[in-house]
Amino acid sequence: MTDKQRLIITIAQRIFDQKGFQNTSILDIVKECKMSKATFYKHFETKESFICEIINYYDEKFLEIIHSII
């Protein structure tokens, strides 16, 4: 995952916290990221792949926490 992808995910999470997952659109995310939809889709092929990347990102974070505890 690139730094830009991590930044997009972090910003998206902040919007999800404010508006809820169901009420957040890609347009909301790209506006907050100050990028075009085309740029967003260069980093994530589809909305579904974006969601999968979010899940993978937080899975990795969770595993890091577990390993630090062990």
N, C-alpha and C. Protein backbone atom coordinates (compact mmCIF):
# COMPACT_ATOMS: atom_id res chain seq x y z
N MET A 1 0.85 -1.17 0.00
CA MET A 1 0.00 0.00 0.00
C MET A 1 0.90 1.25 0.00
N THR A 2 0.52 2.21 -0.81
CA THR A 2 1.31 3.43 -0.91
C THR A 2 0.93 4.42 0.19
N ASP A 3 1.80 5.42 0.38
CA ASP A 3 1.51 6.47 1.35
C ASP A 3 0.23 7.22 0.98
N LYS A 4 0.04 7.45 -0.31
CA LYS A 4 -1.16 8.16 -0.79
C LYS A 4 -2.41 7.35 -0.47
N GLN A 5 -2.35 6.03 -0.65
CA GLN A 5 -3.50 5.18 -0.32
C GLN A 5 -3.80 5.24 1.17
N ARG A 6 -2.76 5.20 1.99
CA ARG A 6 -2.96 5.30 3.44
C ARG A 6 -3.62 6.63 3.81
N LEU A 7 -3.17 7.70 3.16
CA LEU A 7 -3.75 9.02 3.43
C LEU A 7 -5.23 9.04 3.06
N ILE A 8 -5.58 8.51 1.90
CA ILE A 8 -6.97 8.46 1.47
C ILE A 8 -7.80 7.66 2.46
N ILE A 9 -7.30 6.53 2.90
CA ILE A 9 -8.03 5.69 3.87
C ILE A 9 -8.22 6.44 5.19
N THR A 10 -7.19 7.13 5.64
CA THR A 10 -7.29 7.89 6.89
C THR A 10 -8.34 8.98 6.79
N ILE A 11 -8.34 9.69 5.69
CA ILE A 11 -9.34 10.74 5.48
C ILE A 11 -10.74 10.13 5.37
N ALA A 12 -10.85 9.03 4.65
CA ALA A 12 -12.14 8.36 4.52
C ALA A 12 -12.67 7.92 5.88
N GLN A 13 -11.79 7.40 6.72
CA GLN A 13 -12.22 6.96 8.05
C GLN A 13 -12.78 8.13 8.85
N ARG A 14 -12.16 9.29 8.74
CA ARG A 14 -12.65 10.47 9.45
C ARG A 14 -14.06 10.84 8.96
N ILE A 15 -14.27 10.74 7.65
CA ILE A 15 -15.59 11.04 7.09
C ILE A 15 -16.60 9.98 7.52
N PHE A 16 -16.20 8.72 7.52
CA PHE A 16 -17.09 7.64 7.98
C PHE A 16 -17.52 7.90 9.42
N ASP A 17 -16.59 8.36 10.25
CA ASP A 17 -16.91 8.65 11.64
C ASP A 17 -17.94 9.77 11.76
N GLN A 18 -17.86 10.75 10.86
CA GLN A 18 -18.78 11.89 10.89
C GLN A 18 -20.14 11.57 10.29
N LYS A 19 -20.13 10.94 9.12
CA LYS A 19 -21.36 10.76 8.35
C LYS A 19 -21.90 9.34 8.36
N GLY A 20 -21.10 8.39 8.78
CA GLY A 20 -21.47 7.00 8.69
C GLY A 20 -21.03 6.42 7.35
N PHE A 21 -20.79 5.14 7.35
CA PHE A 21 -20.30 4.47 6.15
C PHE A 21 -21.30 4.55 5.01
N GLN A 22 -22.56 4.27 5.29
CA GLN A 22 -23.60 4.24 4.27
C GLN A 22 -23.83 5.62 3.64
N ASN A 23 -23.61 6.67 4.40
CA ASN A 23 -23.88 8.03 3.92
C ASN A 23 -22.66 8.72 3.31
N THR A 24 -21.56 8.01 3.20
CA THR A 24 -20.34 8.58 2.63
C THR A 24 -20.16 8.10 1.20
N SER A 25 -19.96 9.06 0.32
CA SER A 25 -19.73 8.71 -1.09
C SER A 25 -18.26 8.91 -1.45
N ILE A 26 -17.86 8.35 -2.57
CA ILE A 26 -16.51 8.58 -3.07
C ILE A 26 -16.31 10.07 -3.30
N LEU A 27 -17.34 10.75 -3.77
CA LEU A 27 -17.25 12.19 -3.98
C LEU A 27 -16.91 12.92 -2.68
N ASP A 28 -17.52 12.51 -1.58
CA ASP A 28 -17.20 13.11 -0.27
C ASP A 28 -15.71 12.93 0.03
N ILE A 29 -15.21 11.75 -0.24
CA ILE A 29 -13.81 11.43 0.08
C ILE A 29 -12.86 12.23 -0.80
N VAL A 30 -13.13 12.28 -2.11
CA VAL A 30 -12.21 12.99 -3.00
C VAL A 30 -12.23 14.50 -2.73
N LYS A 31 -13.38 15.03 -2.35
CA LYS A 31 -13.44 16.46 -2.01
C LYS A 31 -12.54 16.76 -0.82
N GLU A 32 -12.64 15.93 0.20
CA GLU A 32 -11.83 16.12 1.41
C GLU A 32 -10.34 15.90 1.11
N CYS A 33 -10.05 14.98 0.21
CA CYS A 33 -8.65 14.71 -0.19
C CYS A 33 -8.11 15.74 -1.16
N LYS A 34 -9.01 16.60 -1.68
CA LYS A 34 -8.65 17.60 -2.68
C LYS A 34 -8.03 16.95 -3.92
N MET A 35 -8.77 15.95 -4.43
CA MET A 35 -8.34 15.26 -5.64
C MET A 35 -9.55 14.97 -6.50
N SER A 36 -9.32 14.60 -7.73
CA SER A 36 -10.41 14.24 -8.63
C SER A 36 -10.77 12.77 -8.44
N LYS A 37 -11.94 12.42 -8.93
CA LYS A 37 -12.33 11.01 -8.91
C LYS A 37 -11.35 10.18 -9.73
N ALA A 38 -10.88 10.75 -10.84
CA ALA A 38 -9.92 10.02 -11.70
C ALA A 38 -8.66 9.68 -10.92
N THR A 39 -8.17 10.62 -10.11
CA THR A 39 -6.99 10.36 -9.30
C THR A 39 -7.28 9.28 -8.26
N PHE A 40 -8.44 9.37 -7.63
CA PHE A 40 -8.84 8.34 -6.67
C PHE A 40 -8.80 6.96 -7.32
N TYR A 41 -9.39 6.86 -8.51
CA TYR A 41 -9.47 5.56 -9.18
C TYR A 41 -8.14 5.09 -9.76
N LYS A 42 -7.13 5.95 -9.77
CA LYS A 42 -5.77 5.49 -10.10
C LYS A 42 -5.20 4.70 -8.94
N HIS A 43 -5.64 5.03 -7.73
CA HIS A 43 -5.14 4.36 -6.53
C HIS A 43 -5.99 3.15 -6.15
N PHE A 44 -7.27 3.20 -6.45
CA PHE A 44 -8.20 2.12 -6.14
C PHE A 44 -9.07 1.89 -7.38
N GLU A 45 -9.01 0.71 -7.95
CA GLU A 45 -9.68 0.44 -9.23
C GLU A 45 -11.19 0.62 -9.16
N THR A 46 -11.79 0.19 -8.07
CA THR A 46 -13.24 0.28 -7.91
C THR A 46 -13.56 0.65 -6.46
N LYS A 47 -14.81 0.99 -6.22
CA LYS A 47 -15.24 1.28 -4.85
C LYS A 47 -15.08 0.02 -4.00
N GLU A 48 -15.37 -1.13 -4.59
CA GLU A 48 -15.24 -2.39 -3.87
C GLU A 48 -13.78 -2.67 -3.50
N SER A 49 -12.85 -2.39 -4.42
CA SER A 49 -11.44 -2.62 -4.10
C SER A 49 -10.98 -1.65 -3.00
N PHE A 50 -11.55 -0.44 -2.99
CA PHE A 50 -11.25 0.52 -1.93
C PHE A 50 -11.68 -0.04 -0.58
N ILE A 51 -12.88 -0.58 -0.51
CA ILE A 51 -13.38 -1.16 0.74
C ILE A 51 -12.49 -2.33 1.17
N CYS A 52 -12.09 -3.16 0.23
CA CYS A 52 -11.19 -4.28 0.56
C CYS A 52 -9.86 -3.78 1.10
N GLU A 53 -9.34 -2.72 0.52
CA GLU A 53 -8.08 -2.15 1.01
C GLU A 53 -8.23 -1.59 2.42
N ILE A 54 -9.36 -0.99 2.70
CA ILE A 54 -9.62 -0.49 4.05
C ILE A 54 -9.61 -1.65 5.04
N ILE A 55 -10.29 -2.72 4.69
CA ILE A 55 -10.34 -3.89 5.57
C ILE A 55 -8.94 -4.47 5.77
N ASN A 56 -8.18 -4.60 4.69
CA ASN A 56 -6.81 -5.11 4.79
C ASN A 56 -5.93 -4.21 5.65
N TYR A 57 -6.08 -2.91 5.48
CA TYR A 57 -5.29 -1.95 6.25
C TYR A 57 -5.55 -2.12 7.74
N TYR A 58 -6.81 -2.20 8.13
CA TYR A 58 -7.12 -2.33 9.55
C TYR A 58 -6.82 -3.73 10.08
N ASP A 59 -6.88 -4.74 9.24
CA ASP A 59 -6.43 -6.08 9.64
C ASP A 59 -4.95 -6.05 9.99
N GLU A 60 -4.15 -5.40 9.15
CA GLU A 60 -2.72 -5.29 9.41
C GLU A 60 -2.44 -4.52 10.70
N LYS A 61 -3.17 -3.43 10.90
CA LYS A 61 -3.02 -2.65 12.12
C LYS A 61 -3.34 -3.49 13.35
N PHE A 62 -4.43 -4.25 13.26
CA PHE A 62 -4.84 -5.12 14.36
C PHE A 62 -3.77 -6.16 14.67
N LEU A 63 -3.21 -6.77 13.63
CA LEU A 63 -2.17 -7.77 13.83
C LEU A 63 -0.92 -7.16 14.46
N GLU A 64 -0.58 -5.93 14.07
CA GLU A 64 0.55 -5.24 14.67
C GLU A 64 0.33 -5.06 16.17
N ILE A 65 -0.87 -4.70 16.55
CA ILE A 65 -1.19 -4.51 17.97
C ILE A 65 -1.08 -5.84 18.71
N ILE A 66 -1.63 -6.89 18.12
CA ILE A 66 -1.57 -8.23 18.75
C ILE A 66 -0.12 -8.67 18.93
N HIS A 67 0.71 -8.49 17.92
CA HIS A 67 2.11 -8.88 18.00
C HIS A 67 2.86 -8.06 19.04
N SER A 68 2.51 -6.81 19.18
CA SER A 68 3.19 -5.99 20.19
C SER A 68 2.80 -6.43 21.61
N ILE A 69 1.60 -6.94 21.77
CA ILE A 69 1.15 -7.44 23.08
C ILE A 69 1.86 -8.75 23.41
N ILE A 70 1.98 -9.59 22.42
CA ILE A 70 2.62 -10.90 22.63
C ILE A 70 4.10 -10.69 22.84
